[in-house]
C-alpha atoms as a PDB file:
ATOM      1  CA  MET A   1     -79.591 -11.271  41.793  1.00  0.00           C
ATOM      2  CA  ALA A   2     -77.054 -13.539  43.457  1.00  0.00           C
ATOM      3  CA  HIS A   3     -75.367 -16.223  41.303  1.00  0.00           C
ATOM      4  CA  LEU A   4     -73.961 -19.498  42.552  1.00  0.00           C
ATOM      5  CA  CYS A   5     -72.268 -22.344  40.591  1.00  0.00           C
ATOM      6  CA  ARG A   6     -72.944 -25.944  41.132  1.00  0.00           C
ATOM      7  CA  LYS A   7     -70.894 -28.683  39.510  1.00  0.00           C
ATOM      8  CA  ASP A   8     -72.867 -31.138  37.557  1.00  0.00           C
ATOM      9  CA  MET A   9     -71.390 -34.441  38.631  1.00  0.00           C
ATOM     10  CA  GLY A  10     -72.521 -36.385  35.594  1.00  0.00           C
ATOM     11  CA  LYS A  11     -71.297 -33.947  32.940  1.00  0.00           C
ATOM     12  CA  ASN A  12     -68.586 -32.159  34.776  1.00  0.00           C
ATOM     13  CA  MET A  13     -70.171 -28.826  33.741  1.00  0.00           C
ATOM     14  CA  LYS A  14     -71.082 -25.839  35.889  1.00  0.00           C
ATOM     15  CA  GLU A  15     -74.633 -24.774  35.967  1.00  0.00           C
ATOM     16  CA  LYS A  16     -75.207 -21.117  37.008  1.00  0.00           C
ATOM     17  CA  LEU A  17     -77.817 -20.819  39.693  1.00  0.00           C
ATOM     18  CA  THR A  18     -79.530 -17.611  40.658  1.00  0.00           C
ATOM     19  CA  VAL A  19     -81.465 -16.774  43.884  1.00  0.00           C
ATOM     20  CA  LYS A  20     -85.081 -16.359  43.016  1.00  0.00           C
ATOM     21  CA  ASN A  21     -86.286 -15.189  46.410  1.00  0.00           C
ATOM     22  CA  HIS A  22     -84.901 -15.218  49.889  1.00  0.00           C
ATOM     23  CA  PHE A  23     -85.655 -14.238  53.560  1.00  0.00           C
ATOM     24  CA  ARG A  24     -83.764 -13.912  56.852  1.00  0.00           C
ATOM     25  CA  LEU A  25     -85.377 -14.537  60.265  1.00  0.00           C
ATOM     26  CA  VAL A  26     -83.836 -14.085  63.653  1.00  0.00           C
ATOM     27  CA  ILE A  27     -85.644 -15.634  66.672  1.00  0.00           C
ATOM     28  CA  PRO A  28     -84.861 -16.209  70.387  1.00  0.00           C
ATOM     29  CA  ALA A  29     -83.727 -19.738  71.041  1.00  0.00           C
ATOM     30  CA  ARG A  30     -86.987 -20.718  72.870  1.00  0.00           C
ATOM     31  CA  SER A  31     -88.793 -24.053  72.502  1.00  0.00           C
ATOM     32  CA  GLN A  32     -92.061 -22.412  71.428  1.00  0.00           C
ATOM     33  CA  ASN A  33     -90.211 -20.853  68.395  1.00  0.00           C
ATOM     34  CA  GLU A  34     -89.302 -24.206  66.941  1.00  0.00           C
ATOM     35  CA  ALA A  35     -92.919 -24.555  65.359  1.00  0.00           C
ATOM     36  CA  PHE A  36     -92.735 -20.981  64.066  1.00  0.00           C
ATOM     37  CA  ALA A  37     -89.330 -21.558  62.315  1.00  0.00           C
ATOM     38  CA  ARG A  38     -90.505 -24.838  60.855  1.00  0.00           C
ATOM     39  CA  THR A  39     -93.675 -23.244  59.603  1.00  0.00           C
ATOM     40  CA  ALA A  40     -91.940 -20.110  58.198  1.00  0.00           C
ATOM     41  CA  VAL A  41     -89.514 -22.090  56.221  1.00  0.00           C
ATOM     42  CA  SER A  42     -92.116 -24.447  54.860  1.00  0.00           C
ATOM     43  CA  ALA A  43     -94.525 -21.636  53.937  1.00  0.00           C
ATOM     44  CA  PHE A  44     -91.629 -19.840  52.169  1.00  0.00           C
ATOM     45  CA  ALA A  45     -90.705 -23.029  50.174  1.00  0.00           C
ATOM     46  CA  SER A  46     -94.374 -23.592  49.258  1.00  0.00           C
ATOM     47  CA  GLN A  47     -94.079 -20.928  46.523  1.00  0.00           C
ATOM     48  CA  VAL A  48     -92.201 -23.456  44.391  1.00  0.00           C
ATOM     49  CA  ASP A  49     -95.180 -25.830  44.657  1.00  0.00           C
ATOM     50  CA  PRO A  50     -93.440 -28.792  46.330  1.00  0.00           C
ATOM     51  CA  THR A  51     -95.140 -32.054  47.139  1.00  0.00           C
ATOM     52  CA  VAL A  52     -96.559 -32.722  50.593  1.00  0.00           C
ATOM     53  CA  GLU A  53     -93.809 -35.130  51.133  1.00  0.00           C
ATOM     54  CA  GLU A  54     -91.216 -32.439  50.204  1.00  0.00           C
ATOM     55  CA  ILE A  55     -92.736 -30.029  52.611  1.00  0.00           C
ATOM     56  CA  ASN A  56     -92.794 -32.545  55.415  1.00  0.00           C
ATOM     57  CA  ASP A  57     -89.224 -33.438  54.815  1.00  0.00           C
ATOM     58  CA  ILE A  58     -88.294 -29.546  55.101  1.00  0.00           C
ATOM     59  CA  LYS A  59     -90.376 -29.208  58.230  1.00  0.00           C
ATOM     60  CA  ALA A  60     -88.607 -32.268  59.948  1.00  0.00           C
ATOM     61  CA  ALA A  61     -85.169 -31.072  59.061  1.00  0.00           C
ATOM     62  CA  VAL A  62     -85.721 -27.452  60.190  1.00  0.00           C
ATOM     63  CA  SER A  63     -87.360 -28.746  63.309  1.00  0.00           C
ATOM     64  CA  GLU A  64     -84.347 -30.752  64.200  1.00  0.00           C
ATOM     65  CA  ALA A  65     -81.809 -28.018  63.450  1.00  0.00           C
ATOM     66  CA  VAL A  66     -83.681 -25.472  65.499  1.00  0.00           C
ATOM     67  CA  THR A  67     -84.275 -27.976  68.379  1.00  0.00           C
ATOM     68  CA  ASN A  68     -80.502 -28.638  68.384  1.00  0.00           C
ATOM     69  CA  CYS A  69     -79.841 -24.871  68.821  1.00  0.00           C
ATOM     70  CA  ILE A  70     -82.284 -24.631  71.684  1.00  0.00           C
ATOM     71  CA  VAL A  71     -81.252 -27.661  73.535  1.00  0.00           C
ATOM     72  CA  HIS A  72     -77.512 -27.831  72.986  1.00  0.00           C
ATOM     73  CA  ALA A  73     -76.201 -24.388  71.798  1.00  0.00           C
ATOM     74  CA  TYR A  74     -77.265 -22.238  74.694  1.00  0.00           C
ATOM     75  CA  SER A  75     -77.771 -24.992  77.421  1.00  0.00           C
ATOM     76  CA  ASN A  76     -75.093 -23.564  79.678  1.00  0.00           C
ATOM     77  CA  ASP A  77     -76.162 -19.925  79.240  1.00  0.00           C
ATOM     78  CA  ASP A  78     -78.456 -18.065  81.589  1.00  0.00           C
ATOM     79  CA  ALA A  79     -79.473 -15.727  78.776  1.00  0.00           C
ATOM     80  CA  ILE A  80     -81.563 -16.787  75.854  1.00  0.00           C
ATOM     81  CA  GLY A  81     -79.481 -16.815  72.683  1.00  0.00           C
ATOM     82  CA  THR A  82     -80.674 -16.237  69.147  1.00  0.00           C
ATOM     83  CA  ILE A  83     -81.191 -18.483  66.060  1.00  0.00           C
ATOM     84  CA  GLU A  84     -80.727 -16.986  62.593  1.00  0.00           C
ATOM     85  CA  ILE A  85     -82.432 -18.777  59.670  1.00  0.00           C
ATOM     86  CA  VAL A  86     -81.750 -17.833  56.079  1.00  0.00           C
ATOM     87  CA  SER A  87     -83.577 -19.568  53.250  1.00  0.00           C
ATOM     88  CA  ARG A  88     -83.219 -19.188  49.544  1.00  0.00           C
ATOM     89  CA  ILE A  89     -85.216 -20.460  46.565  1.00  0.00           C
ATOM     90  CA  MET A  90     -82.838 -21.049  43.687  1.00  0.00           C
ATOM     91  CA  SER A  91     -83.304 -21.049  40.027  1.00  0.00           C
ATOM     92  CA  ASP A  92     -83.227 -24.916  39.872  1.00  0.00           C
ATOM     93  CA  ASN A  93     -86.232 -25.087  42.218  1.00  0.00           C
ATOM     94  CA  SER A  94     -84.017 -26.049  45.224  1.00  0.00           C
ATOM     95  CA  VAL A  95     -84.433 -24.784  48.672  1.00  0.00           C
ATOM     96  CA  TYR A  96     -81.270 -23.705  50.595  1.00  0.00           C
ATOM     97  CA  ILE A  97     -81.575 -23.254  54.373  1.00  0.00           C
ATOM     98  CA  ARG A  98     -78.988 -21.957  56.837  1.00  0.00           C
ATOM     99  CA  ILE A  99     -79.601 -22.171  60.511  1.00  0.00           C
ATOM    100  CA  LYS A 100     -76.996 -20.507  62.706  1.00  0.00           C
ATOM    101  CA  ASP A 101     -76.496 -19.967  66.397  1.00  0.00           C
ATOM    102  CA  LYS A 102     -73.820 -18.226  68.536  1.00  0.00           C
ATOM    103  CA  GLY A 103     -73.841 -20.854  71.235  1.00  0.00           C
ATOM    104  CA  CYS A 104     -71.218 -23.098  72.717  1.00  0.00           C
ATOM    105  CA  GLY A 105     -70.145 -24.834  69.487  1.00  0.00           C
ATOM    106  CA  ILE A 106     -69.616 -28.516  68.796  1.00  0.00           C
ATOM    107  CA  ALA A 107     -66.235 -30.044  69.734  1.00  0.00           C
ATOM    108  CA  ASP A 108     -66.384 -33.040  67.469  1.00  0.00           C
ATOM    109  CA  ILE A 109     -68.699 -32.773  64.497  1.00  0.00           C
ATOM    110  CA  LYS A 110     -68.144 -36.280  63.303  1.00  0.00           C
ATOM    111  CA  GLN A 111     -68.963 -37.686  66.769  1.00  0.00           C
ATOM    112  CA  ALA A 112     -72.037 -35.332  67.015  1.00  0.00           C
ATOM    113  CA  LYS A 113     -73.391 -36.648  63.690  1.00  0.00           C
ATOM    114  CA  THR A 114     -73.086 -40.315  64.948  1.00  0.00           C
ATOM    115  CA  PRO A 115     -76.643 -41.722  65.494  1.00  0.00           C
ATOM    116  CA  LEU A 116     -77.696 -41.986  69.170  1.00  0.00           C
ATOM    117  CA  PHE A 117     -74.793 -39.557  70.394  1.00  0.00           C
ATOM    118  CA  THR A 118     -76.127 -36.674  72.625  1.00  0.00           C
ATOM    119  CA  THR A 119     -74.564 -34.326  74.946  1.00  0.00           C
ATOM    120  CA  CYS A 120     -77.891 -33.862  76.783  1.00  0.00           C
ATOM    121  CA  ALA A 121     -77.596 -35.809  80.078  1.00  0.00           C
ATOM    122  CA  GLU A 122     -81.178 -34.896  81.122  1.00  0.00           C
ATOM    123  CA  GLY A 123     -84.273 -35.306  79.318  1.00  0.00           C
ATOM    124  CA  GLU A 124     -85.382 -37.734  76.563  1.00  0.00           C
ATOM    125  CA  ARG A 125     -82.992 -37.001  73.697  1.00  0.00           C
ATOM    126  CA  ALA A 126     -82.360 -39.700  71.194  1.00  0.00           C
ATOM    127  CA  GLY A 127     -79.305 -38.214  69.473  1.00  0.00           C
ATOM    128  CA  LEU A 128     -80.855 -38.562  65.967  1.00  0.00           C
ATOM    129  CA  GLY A 129     -80.999 -34.859  64.923  1.00  0.00           C
ATOM    130  CA  PHE A 130     -78.263 -34.882  62.336  1.00  0.00           C
ATOM    131  CA  ALA A 131     -79.341 -38.353  60.997  1.00  0.00           C
ATOM    132  CA  VAL A 132     -82.910 -37.150  60.650  1.00  0.00           C
ATOM    133  CA  MET A 133     -81.589 -33.891  58.740  1.00  0.00           C
ATOM    134  CA  GLU A 134     -79.410 -35.882  56.462  1.00  0.00           C
ATOM    135  CA  SER A 135     -82.148 -38.338  55.591  1.00  0.00           C
ATOM    136  CA  PHE A 136     -84.721 -35.683  54.590  1.00  0.00           C
ATOM    137  CA  MET A 137     -82.444 -33.278  52.715  1.00  0.00           C
ATOM    138  CA  ASP A 138     -80.148 -33.747  49.713  1.00  0.00           C
ATOM    139  CA  LYS A 139     -77.313 -31.958  51.207  1.00  0.00           C
ATOM    140  CA  LEU A 140     -76.220 -31.144  54.913  1.00  0.00           C
ATOM    141  CA  THR A 141     -73.122 -29.398  56.057  1.00  0.00           C
ATOM    142  CA  VAL A 142     -72.119 -28.474  59.640  1.00  0.00           C
ATOM    143  CA  HIS A 143     -69.606 -25.830  60.551  1.00  0.00           C
ATOM    144  CA  SER A 144     -68.767 -25.116  64.271  1.00  0.00           C
ATOM    145  CA  GLY A 145     -66.286 -23.687  66.536  1.00  0.00           C
ATOM    146  CA  ILE A 146     -66.044 -23.921  70.333  1.00  0.00           C
ATOM    147  CA  GLY A 147     -67.451 -20.654  71.777  1.00  0.00           C
ATOM    148  CA  ARG A 148     -68.339 -19.310  68.296  1.00  0.00           C
ATOM    149  CA  GLY A 149     -71.541 -21.348  67.528  1.00  0.00           C
ATOM    150  CA  THR A 150     -72.730 -23.682  64.904  1.00  0.00           C
ATOM    151  CA  THR A 151     -74.052 -23.219  61.339  1.00  0.00           C
ATOM    152  CA  ILE A 152     -75.999 -25.884  59.681  1.00  0.00           C
ATOM    153  CA  THR A 153     -76.618 -25.492  55.861  1.00  0.00           C
ATOM    154  CA  MET A 154     -79.086 -27.849  54.046  1.00  0.00           C
ATOM    155  CA  SER A 155     -80.478 -28.018  50.631  1.00  0.00           C
ATOM    156  CA  LYS A 156     -83.253 -29.926  48.920  1.00  0.00           C
ATOM    157  CA  ARG A 157     -84.036 -29.928  45.189  1.00  0.00           C
ATOM    158  CA  LEU A 158     -87.808 -29.825  44.763  1.00  0.00           C
ATOM    159  CA  THR A 159     -89.889 -31.669  42.024  1.00  0.00           C
ATOM    160  CA  GLU A 160     -90.609 -29.497  39.128  1.00  0.00           C
ATOM    161  CA  ARG A 161     -94.330 -29.670  38.559  1.00  0.00           C
END
């Protein structure tokens, strides 16, 4: 069982977290796989008995992250790239989600996270993907390198019922 430490901001103590369950999924970066990815992660998270609102938040965030991979990461490639999704249920009932591509990368993450910014000249893209992810999840981090791809890590603590 994996152990992670999270700093308790209020008490300045460390809480030892363990991974209760996890999965890894690799899918082609095709638009028809967005719904599958969203459903797979939300079905996995359902073992913690989240509220309907929490499930919908997870679905929306995963949908945005996977759509970003499909639309932006591999937009200049002739071949279909892959998207790796890892999810973990932690001992504090939080859900950890990592979505990773090996696409073109993001030149300026701060700019990419600015609402209404998009690199998609064609189509109807609003440039709200990162804003949506941040609004539905408790934590969002983005790591990227030009030509190396992008990794989005999100987590949400679910209500204990």
